[in-house]
Amino acid sequence: MNKLRTLIIEDEEPARDLVKAYLKDNEHIELIGECADGFTGVKTINETK
């Protein structure tokens, strides 16, 4: 089964850390990065396609 490629976009660093901790043990999710704002998130998505 393919992994779900995931990018965390959240402006609060503690919230990003919580999401990362929650997702890191899920074998079906590949965390490709994290961003603090939507603009950077869209740029990162376009760069990682």
C-alpha atoms as a PDB file:
ATOM      1  CA  MET A   1       0.000   0.000   0.000  1.00  0.00           C
ATOM      2  CA  ASN A   2       1.249   3.505  -0.826  1.00  0.00           C
ATOM      3  CA  LYS A   3       2.023   5.844   2.030  1.00  0.00           C
ATOM      4  CA  LEU A   4       0.078   9.069   2.372  1.00  0.00           C
ATOM      5  CA  ARG A   5       2.589  11.870   1.786  1.00  0.00           C
ATOM      6  CA  THR A   6       1.854  14.524   4.389  1.00  0.00           C
ATOM      7  CA  LEU A   7       2.954  18.112   4.909  1.00  0.00           C
ATOM      8  CA  ILE A   8       2.163  19.812   8.212  1.00  0.00           C
ATOM      9  CA  ILE A   9       1.143  23.460   7.793  1.00  0.00           C
ATOM     10  CA  GLU A  10       0.618  25.182  11.145  1.00  0.00           C
ATOM     11  CA  ASP A  11       1.796  28.537  12.456  1.00  0.00           C
ATOM     12  CA  GLU A  12       2.141  27.410  16.083  1.00  0.00           C
ATOM     13  CA  GLU A  13       5.308  25.362  16.600  1.00  0.00           C
ATOM     14  CA  PRO A  14       3.951  23.448  19.638  1.00  0.00           C
ATOM     15  CA  ALA A  15       0.954  22.358  17.557  1.00  0.00           C
ATOM     16  CA  ARG A  16       3.248  21.221  14.722  1.00  0.00           C
ATOM     17  CA  ASP A  17       5.261  19.220  17.239  1.00  0.00           C
ATOM     18  CA  LEU A  18       2.102  17.523  18.537  1.00  0.00           C
ATOM     19  CA  VAL A  19       0.979  16.583  15.036  1.00  0.00           C
ATOM     20  CA  LYS A  20       4.460  15.259  14.197  1.00  0.00           C
ATOM     21  CA  ALA A  21       4.502  13.164  17.361  1.00  0.00           C
ATOM     22  CA  TYR A  22       1.072  11.772  16.537  1.00  0.00           C
ATOM     23  CA  LEU A  23       1.948  10.905  12.931  1.00  0.00           C
ATOM     24  CA  LYS A  24       5.514   9.625  13.320  1.00  0.00           C
ATOM     25  CA  ASP A  25       4.500   6.108  14.357  1.00  0.00           C
ATOM     26  CA  ASN A  26       1.883   5.670  11.647  1.00  0.00           C
ATOM     27  CA  GLU A  27       3.298   3.315   9.037  1.00  0.00           C
ATOM     28  CA  HIS A  28       0.843   4.574   6.407  1.00  0.00           C
ATOM     29  CA  ILE A  29       2.025   8.199   6.550  1.00  0.00           C
ATOM     30  CA  GLU A  30       5.209   9.699   5.121  1.00  0.00           C
ATOM     31  CA  LEU A  31       5.909  13.107   6.620  1.00  0.00           C
ATOM     32  CA  ILE A  32       7.514  15.178   3.857  1.00  0.00           C
ATOM     33  CA  GLY A  33       7.952  18.376   5.849  1.00  0.00           C
ATOM     34  CA  GLU A  34       6.446  21.143   7.896  1.00  0.00           C
ATOM     35  CA  CYS A  35       5.719  24.808   7.284  1.00  0.00           C
ATOM     36  CA  ALA A  36       4.607  27.724   9.424  1.00  0.00           C
ATOM     37  CA  ASP A  37       2.316  29.355   6.833  1.00  0.00           C
ATOM     38  CA  GLY A  38       0.182  28.569   3.819  1.00  0.00           C
ATOM     39  CA  PHE A  39       2.367  30.418   1.311  1.00  0.00           C
ATOM     40  CA  THR A  40       5.387  28.322   2.241  1.00  0.00           C
ATOM     41  CA  GLY A  41       3.183  25.235   2.321  1.00  0.00           C
ATOM     42  CA  VAL A  42       2.021  25.704  -1.264  1.00  0.00           C
ATOM     43  CA  LYS A  43       5.606  26.369  -2.372  1.00  0.00           C
ATOM     44  CA  THR A  44       6.804  23.202  -0.622  1.00  0.00           C
ATOM     45  CA  ILE A  45       4.014  21.124  -2.147  1.00  0.00           C
ATOM     46  CA  ASN A  46       4.915  22.333  -5.631  1.00  0.00           C
ATOM     47  CA  GLU A  47       8.606  21.579  -5.041  1.00  0.00           C
ATOM     48  CA  THR A  48       8.003  18.038  -3.764  1.00  0.00           C
ATOM     49  CA  LYS A  49       5.651  16.792  -6.475  1.00  0.00           C
END
